[in-house]
């Protein structure tokens, strides 16, 4: 079983809708996705941020208390 750690260049192009590196990085920043820049200047986009198994924190439930109104 092959485990995939980052998006392929084609997947990054499809996700961002951009072909140039600088535009892809701008789109990723705008969309709030994380990426890592390699020493050679290329970058990778980790796939873990697209997983449905990310930790989910449910919203806090609030209840109105009208007892003090009489």
N, C-alpha and C. Protein backbone atom coordinates (compact mmCIF):
# COMPACT_ATOMS: atom_id res chain seq x y z
N UNK A 1 0.84 -1.19 0.00
CA UNK A 1 0.00 0.00 0.00
C UNK A 1 0.88 1.25 0.00
N UNK A 2 0.65 2.12 -0.94
CA UNK A 2 1.42 3.35 -1.05
C UNK A 2 0.70 4.47 -0.29
N UNK A 3 1.42 5.09 0.62
CA UNK A 3 0.86 6.20 1.39
C UNK A 3 1.30 7.49 0.72
N UNK A 4 0.33 8.35 0.46
CA UNK A 4 0.60 9.60 -0.23
C UNK A 4 0.67 10.73 0.81
N UNK A 5 1.76 11.48 0.79
CA UNK A 5 1.96 12.53 1.79
C UNK A 5 1.67 13.94 1.27
N UNK A 6 1.75 14.14 -0.05
CA UNK A 6 1.51 15.48 -0.59
C UNK A 6 0.83 15.38 -1.93
N UNK A 7 0.23 16.51 -2.36
CA UNK A 7 -0.44 16.56 -3.66
C UNK A 7 0.58 16.54 -4.78
N UNK A 8 0.19 15.96 -5.90
CA UNK A 8 1.06 15.96 -7.08
C UNK A 8 1.01 17.35 -7.72
N UNK A 9 1.97 17.68 -8.57
CA UNK A 9 1.92 18.98 -9.26
C UNK A 9 0.61 19.18 -10.04
N UNK A 10 0.10 18.13 -10.65
CA UNK A 10 -1.17 18.24 -11.38
C UNK A 10 -2.33 18.53 -10.44
N UNK A 11 -2.32 17.92 -9.26
CA UNK A 11 -3.37 18.16 -8.28
C UNK A 11 -3.31 19.59 -7.74
N UNK A 12 -2.11 20.11 -7.56
CA UNK A 12 -1.97 21.50 -7.11
C UNK A 12 -2.52 22.45 -8.17
N UNK A 13 -2.21 22.16 -9.43
CA UNK A 13 -2.72 22.99 -10.53
C UNK A 13 -4.25 22.93 -10.58
N UNK A 14 -4.79 21.75 -10.40
CA UNK A 14 -6.25 21.59 -10.41
C UNK A 14 -6.90 22.30 -9.22
N UNK A 15 -6.29 22.18 -8.05
CA UNK A 15 -6.84 22.81 -6.85
C UNK A 15 -6.82 24.33 -6.95
N UNK A 16 -5.70 24.88 -7.42
CA UNK A 16 -5.54 26.34 -7.43
C UNK A 16 -6.08 26.99 -8.69
N UNK A 17 -6.13 26.24 -9.79
CA UNK A 17 -6.53 26.84 -11.05
C UNK A 17 -5.44 27.69 -11.67
N UNK A 18 -4.23 27.57 -11.15
CA UNK A 18 -3.09 28.37 -11.62
C UNK A 18 -1.96 27.45 -12.04
N UNK A 19 -1.17 27.90 -13.02
CA UNK A 19 -0.05 27.09 -13.49
C UNK A 19 1.29 27.57 -12.96
N UNK A 20 1.42 28.86 -12.72
CA UNK A 20 2.71 29.37 -12.23
C UNK A 20 2.82 29.18 -10.72
N UNK A 21 4.04 28.94 -10.27
CA UNK A 21 4.31 28.67 -8.86
C UNK A 21 3.85 29.81 -7.97
N UNK A 22 4.17 31.04 -8.36
CA UNK A 22 3.82 32.19 -7.52
C UNK A 22 2.30 32.35 -7.39
N UNK A 23 1.58 32.13 -8.46
CA UNK A 23 0.11 32.23 -8.39
C UNK A 23 -0.48 31.10 -7.57
N UNK A 24 0.10 29.90 -7.69
CA UNK A 24 -0.38 28.77 -6.89
C UNK A 24 -0.21 29.06 -5.40
N UNK A 25 0.95 29.61 -5.03
CA UNK A 25 1.19 29.93 -3.61
C UNK A 25 0.22 31.00 -3.12
N UNK A 26 -0.07 32.00 -3.95
CA UNK A 26 -1.03 33.04 -3.57
C UNK A 26 -2.41 32.45 -3.34
N UNK A 27 -2.82 31.56 -4.24
CA UNK A 27 -4.14 30.93 -4.10
C UNK A 27 -4.19 30.06 -2.85
N UNK A 28 -3.14 29.27 -2.61
CA UNK A 28 -3.10 28.43 -1.41
C UNK A 28 -3.18 29.28 -0.15
N UNK A 29 -2.45 30.41 -0.12
CA UNK A 29 -2.52 31.32 1.02
C UNK A 29 -3.93 31.86 1.19
N UNK A 30 -4.52 32.30 0.09
CA UNK A 30 -5.87 32.88 0.13
C UNK A 30 -6.89 31.87 0.64
N UNK A 31 -6.74 30.61 0.20
CA UNK A 31 -7.69 29.56 0.58
C UNK A 31 -7.40 28.98 1.97
N UNK A 32 -6.28 29.34 2.56
CA UNK A 32 -5.95 28.88 3.90
C UNK A 32 -5.32 27.51 3.98
N UNK A 33 -4.82 27.00 2.85
CA UNK A 33 -4.15 25.69 2.87
C UNK A 33 -2.68 25.87 3.20
N UNK A 34 -2.12 24.89 3.90
CA UNK A 34 -0.71 24.96 4.26
C UNK A 34 0.13 24.29 3.18
N UNK A 35 1.38 24.70 3.11
CA UNK A 35 2.35 24.11 2.19
C UNK A 35 3.72 24.27 2.78
N UNK A 36 4.65 23.49 2.31
CA UNK A 36 6.05 23.54 2.77
C UNK A 36 6.94 23.84 1.58
N UNK A 37 7.87 24.76 1.79
CA UNK A 37 8.82 25.12 0.73
C UNK A 37 10.10 24.32 0.94
N UNK A 38 10.54 23.66 -0.11
CA UNK A 38 11.77 22.88 -0.07
C UNK A 38 12.98 23.80 -0.25
N UNK A 39 14.18 23.31 0.10
CA UNK A 39 15.39 24.14 -0.07
C UNK A 39 15.63 24.59 -1.51
N UNK A 40 15.15 23.80 -2.48
CA UNK A 40 15.35 24.19 -3.88
C UNK A 40 14.31 25.19 -4.38
N UNK A 41 13.38 25.60 -3.51
CA UNK A 41 12.36 26.58 -3.89
C UNK A 41 11.04 25.97 -4.31
N UNK A 42 11.02 24.67 -4.60
CA UNK A 42 9.76 24.02 -4.92
C UNK A 42 8.95 23.86 -3.64
N UNK A 43 7.70 23.48 -3.76
CA UNK A 43 6.87 23.34 -2.57
C UNK A 43 6.01 22.10 -2.66
N UNK A 44 5.55 21.65 -1.49
CA UNK A 44 4.63 20.52 -1.41
C UNK A 44 3.43 20.93 -0.57
N UNK A 45 2.28 20.35 -0.91
CA UNK A 45 1.04 20.61 -0.18
C UNK A 45 0.65 19.30 0.52
N UNK A 46 0.75 19.25 1.85
CA UNK A 46 0.41 18.02 2.58
C UNK A 46 -1.06 17.63 2.37
N UNK A 47 -1.30 16.33 2.14
CA UNK A 47 -2.66 15.86 1.90
C UNK A 47 -3.47 15.73 3.18
N UNK A 48 -2.81 15.67 4.33
CA UNK A 48 -3.53 15.46 5.60
C UNK A 48 -4.58 16.52 5.86
N UNK A 49 -4.40 17.73 5.32
CA UNK A 49 -5.36 18.80 5.56
C UNK A 49 -6.66 18.61 4.77
N UNK A 50 -6.67 17.66 3.85
CA UNK A 50 -7.87 17.39 3.06
C UNK A 50 -8.60 16.15 3.56
N UNK A 51 -8.10 15.52 4.60
CA UNK A 51 -8.67 14.29 5.12
C UNK A 51 -9.94 14.59 5.92
N UNK A 52 -10.93 13.72 5.76
CA UNK A 52 -12.16 13.87 6.54
C UNK A 52 -11.98 13.39 7.96
N UNK A 53 -10.84 12.78 8.26
CA UNK A 53 -10.60 12.23 9.58
C UNK A 53 -9.91 13.24 10.50
N UNK A 54 -9.86 14.49 10.11
CA UNK A 54 -9.25 15.50 10.96
C UNK A 54 -10.08 15.62 12.23
N UNK A 55 -9.42 16.07 13.27
CA UNK A 55 -10.15 16.21 14.53
C UNK A 55 -11.26 17.24 14.36
N UNK A 56 -12.40 16.92 14.87
CA UNK A 56 -13.57 17.77 14.75
C UNK A 56 -14.00 18.21 16.13
N UNK A 57 -14.09 19.51 16.32
CA UNK A 57 -14.55 20.04 17.59
C UNK A 57 -15.96 20.57 17.39
N UNK A 58 -16.96 19.91 17.99
CA UNK A 58 -18.34 20.37 17.80
C UNK A 58 -18.54 21.75 18.42
N UNK A 59 -19.47 22.49 17.84
CA UNK A 59 -19.79 23.80 18.37
C UNK A 59 -20.45 23.66 19.74
N UNK A 60 -20.17 24.62 20.60
CA UNK A 60 -20.76 24.59 21.94
C UNK A 60 -22.26 24.85 21.84
N UNK A 61 -23.03 24.11 22.59
CA UNK A 61 -24.48 24.27 22.56
C UNK A 61 -24.89 25.24 23.66
N UNK A 62 -25.72 26.20 23.30
CA UNK A 62 -26.21 27.19 24.25
C UNK A 62 -27.71 27.01 24.44
N UNK A 63 -28.19 27.25 25.67
CA UNK A 63 -29.62 27.22 25.96
C UNK A 63 -30.00 28.53 26.62
N UNK A 64 -31.11 29.11 26.20
CA UNK A 64 -31.59 30.35 26.78
C UNK A 64 -32.29 30.06 28.10
N UNK A 65 -32.04 30.93 29.09
CA UNK A 65 -32.66 30.78 30.41
C UNK A 65 -33.48 32.04 30.68
N UNK A 66 -34.78 31.89 30.60
CA UNK A 66 -35.69 33.03 30.80
C UNK A 66 -36.22 33.10 32.23
N UNK A 67 -35.68 32.33 33.15
CA UNK A 67 -36.18 32.27 34.53
C UNK A 67 -36.09 33.62 35.23
N UNK A 68 -35.09 34.41 34.92
CA UNK A 68 -34.90 35.70 35.60
C UNK A 68 -35.90 36.75 35.15
N UNK A 69 -36.65 36.50 34.09
CA UNK A 69 -37.60 37.50 33.58
C UNK A 69 -38.92 37.48 34.30
N UNK A 70 -39.15 36.52 35.14
CA UNK A 70 -40.36 36.52 35.94
C UNK A 70 -41.34 35.53 35.62
